Structure formats: C-alpha cells, structure tokens
C-alpha atoms as a PDB file:
ATOM      1  CA  UNK A   1      41.224-139.271 -35.993  1.00  0.00           C
ATOM      2  CA  UNK A   2      37.504-138.906 -36.982  1.00  0.00           C
ATOM      3  CA  UNK A   3      36.249-140.056 -33.598  1.00  0.00           C
ATOM      4  CA  UNK A   4      38.712-137.624 -31.882  1.00  0.00           C
ATOM      5  CA  UNK A   5      37.208-134.715 -34.076  1.00  0.00           C
ATOM      6  CA  UNK A   6      33.786-135.633 -33.280  1.00  0.00           C
ATOM      7  CA  UNK A   7      34.308-136.126 -29.637  1.00  0.00           C
ATOM      8  CA  UNK A   8      36.090-132.729 -29.434  1.00  0.00           C
ATOM      9  CA  UNK A   9      33.196-131.119 -31.483  1.00  0.00           C
ATOM     10  CA  UNK A  10      30.557-132.590 -29.073  1.00  0.00           C
ATOM     11  CA  UNK A  11      32.534-131.379 -26.181  1.00  0.00           C
ATOM     12  CA  UNK A  12      32.898-127.809 -27.421  1.00  0.00           C
ATOM     13  CA  UNK A  13      29.493-127.317 -28.894  1.00  0.00           C
ATOM     14  CA  UNK A  14      26.963-129.678 -27.207  1.00  0.00           C
ATOM     15  CA  UNK A  15      23.634-129.042 -28.878  1.00  0.00           C
ATOM     16  CA  UNK A  16      21.414-131.025 -26.599  1.00  0.00           C
ATOM     17  CA  UNK A  17      19.531-129.531 -23.844  1.00  0.00           C
ATOM     18  CA  UNK A  18      19.623-131.252 -20.481  1.00  0.00           C
ATOM     19  CA  UNK A  19      16.665-133.525 -19.631  1.00  0.00           C
ATOM     20  CA  UNK A  20      13.967-132.176 -17.341  1.00  0.00           C
ATOM     21  CA  UNK A  21      12.341-134.242 -14.568  1.00  0.00           C
ATOM     22  CA  UNK A  22       9.430-135.638 -16.939  1.00  0.00           C
ATOM     23  CA  UNK A  23      11.863-136.927 -19.450  1.00  0.00           C
ATOM     24  CA  UNK A  24      14.006-138.514 -16.859  1.00  0.00           C
ATOM     25  CA  UNK A  25      10.992-140.387 -15.661  1.00  0.00           C
ATOM     26  CA  UNK A  26      10.367-141.873 -19.038  1.00  0.00           C
ATOM     27  CA  UNK A  27      13.859-143.650 -18.915  1.00  0.00           C
ATOM     28  CA  UNK A  28      12.574-145.413 -15.770  1.00  0.00           C
ATOM     29  CA  UNK A  29       9.633-146.720 -17.593  1.00  0.00           C
ATOM     30  CA  UNK A  30      11.656-148.410 -20.272  1.00  0.00           C
ATOM     31  CA  UNK A  31      11.838-152.158 -20.144  1.00  0.00           C
ATOM     32  CA  UNK A  32      15.450-153.553 -20.030  1.00  0.00           C
ATOM     33  CA  UNK A  33      14.852-156.334 -22.496  1.00  0.00           C
ATOM     34  CA  UNK A  34      18.680-156.764 -23.403  1.00  0.00           C
ATOM     35  CA  UNK A  35      19.586-158.699 -20.417  1.00  0.00           C
ATOM     36  CA  UNK A  36      21.459-162.098 -21.299  1.00  0.00           C
ATOM     37  CA  UNK A  37      21.652-161.695 -25.113  1.00  0.00           C
ATOM     38  CA  UNK A  38      24.839-161.871 -26.946  1.00  0.00           C
ATOM     39  CA  UNK A  39      25.696-158.999 -29.275  1.00  0.00           C
ATOM     40  CA  UNK A  40      24.846-160.979 -32.405  1.00  0.00           C
ATOM     41  CA  UNK A  41      21.351-162.068 -30.802  1.00  0.00           C
ATOM     42  CA  UNK A  42      20.595-158.488 -29.581  1.00  0.00           C
ATOM     43  CA  UNK A  43      21.572-156.917 -33.096  1.00  0.00           C
ATOM     44  CA  UNK A  44      19.414-159.504 -35.017  1.00  0.00           C
ATOM     45  CA  UNK A  45      16.420-159.141 -32.596  1.00  0.00           C
ATOM     46  CA  UNK A  46      16.579-155.264 -32.769  1.00  0.00           C
ATOM     47  CA  UNK A  47      16.855-155.427 -36.623  1.00  0.00           C
ATOM     48  CA  UNK A  48      13.816-157.700 -36.858  1.00  0.00           C
ATOM     49  CA  UNK A  49      11.881-155.377 -34.554  1.00  0.00           C
ATOM     50  CA  UNK A  50      12.939-152.189 -36.443  1.00  0.00           C
ATOM     51  CA  UNK A  51      11.343-153.475 -39.737  1.00  0.00           C
ATOM     52  CA  UNK A  52       7.814-152.474 -38.367  1.00  0.00           C
ATOM     53  CA  UNK A  53       6.186-155.620 -39.568  1.00  0.00           C
ATOM     54  CA  UNK A  54       2.485-155.735 -38.197  1.00  0.00           C
ATOM     55  CA  UNK A  55       2.188-158.553 -35.553  1.00  0.00           C
ATOM     56  CA  UNK A  56       5.914-159.203 -35.400  1.00  0.00           C
ATOM     57  CA  UNK A  57       7.962-158.354 -32.067  1.00  0.00           C
ATOM     58  CA  UNK A  58      10.786-160.594 -30.944  1.00  0.00           C
ATOM     59  CA  UNK A  59      11.637-160.222 -27.151  1.00  0.00           C
ATOM     60  CA  UNK A  60      13.791-163.534 -27.205  1.00  0.00           C
ATOM     61  CA  UNK A  61      15.405-164.623 -30.378  1.00  0.00           C
ATOM     62  CA  UNK A  62      15.245-168.227 -29.962  1.00  0.00           C
ATOM     63  CA  UNK A  63      11.661-168.397 -28.712  1.00  0.00           C
ATOM     64  CA  UNK A  64      10.560-165.904 -31.249  1.00  0.00           C
ATOM     65  CA  UNK A  65      11.698-167.557 -34.201  1.00  0.00           C
ATOM     66  CA  UNK A  66      11.266-171.218 -33.254  1.00  0.00           C
ATOM     67  CA  UNK A  67       8.368-172.041 -35.491  1.00  0.00           C
ATOM     68  CA  UNK A  68       9.630-170.169 -38.418  1.00  0.00           C
ATOM     69  CA  UNK A  69       6.816-167.801 -38.928  1.00  0.00           C
ATOM     70  CA  UNK A  70       8.682-164.800 -38.013  1.00  0.00           C
ATOM     71  CA  UNK A  71      11.629-165.566 -40.338  1.00  0.00           C
ATOM     72  CA  UNK A  72       9.135-166.162 -43.256  1.00  0.00           C
ATOM     73  CA  UNK A  73       7.597-162.748 -42.224  1.00  0.00           C
ATOM     74  CA  UNK A  74      10.995-160.905 -42.514  1.00  0.00           C
ATOM     75  CA  UNK A  75      11.848-162.623 -45.622  1.00  0.00           C
ATOM     76  CA  UNK A  76       8.643-161.562 -47.515  1.00  0.00           C
ATOM     77  CA  UNK A  77       9.144-158.015 -45.886  1.00  0.00           C
ATOM     78  CA  UNK A  78      12.715-157.768 -47.138  1.00  0.00           C
ATOM     79  CA  UNK A  79      11.975-159.296 -50.637  1.00  0.00           C
ATOM     80  CA  UNK A  80       8.314-159.006 -51.261  1.00  0.00           C
ATOM     81  CA  UNK A  81       7.021-162.217 -52.939  1.00  0.00           C
ATOM     82  CA  UNK A  82       9.635-164.485 -51.707  1.00  0.00           C
ATOM     83  CA  UNK A  83       7.195-166.369 -49.568  1.00  0.00           C
ATOM     84  CA  UNK A  84       3.989-167.787 -50.899  1.00  0.00           C
END
C-alpha cells in the first residue's frame, strides 16, 4: 500500500528535471564494478566502501579482504580502539 502511494506520488508530481547531454555522458564514464557478485557480496563490499576509510577500497570482496587488514580497518572504524 505504501509502495503504491509513493509510486503514484512520483508519477503525479515528478520533481526531477530530465538529464542534459553532459549529465548523460557522466553515466557512460562510470565503471560497472558489480559484475559477477552475489547480492550479499555486493552489499558488504559497498558498505565497506561507504565507510570512507582512508586507503580502503574493495573492488573484489574475496581478494580485498584476503589478508585481513581491510577487515581490521573496518572493525576499528566501526568501534574505535577494538584493534590495537
């Protein structure tokens, strides 16, 4: 019911302006780094990247956390002081 209300609202009153040529070109420049990941892998990888930890960017979950340093950085970011 809520989803139908919101869909009807956006159909009746769309507040977004159409994209111009320059903005459409920006979409072509974006990398498609979600190929081959399961939903859980993608969600976890995007969550890690959204934390904004300096020097941490995971493009492949299994290769990115293989040595454990990324996981330790994430743990220390989520709860400071837990990693010595």
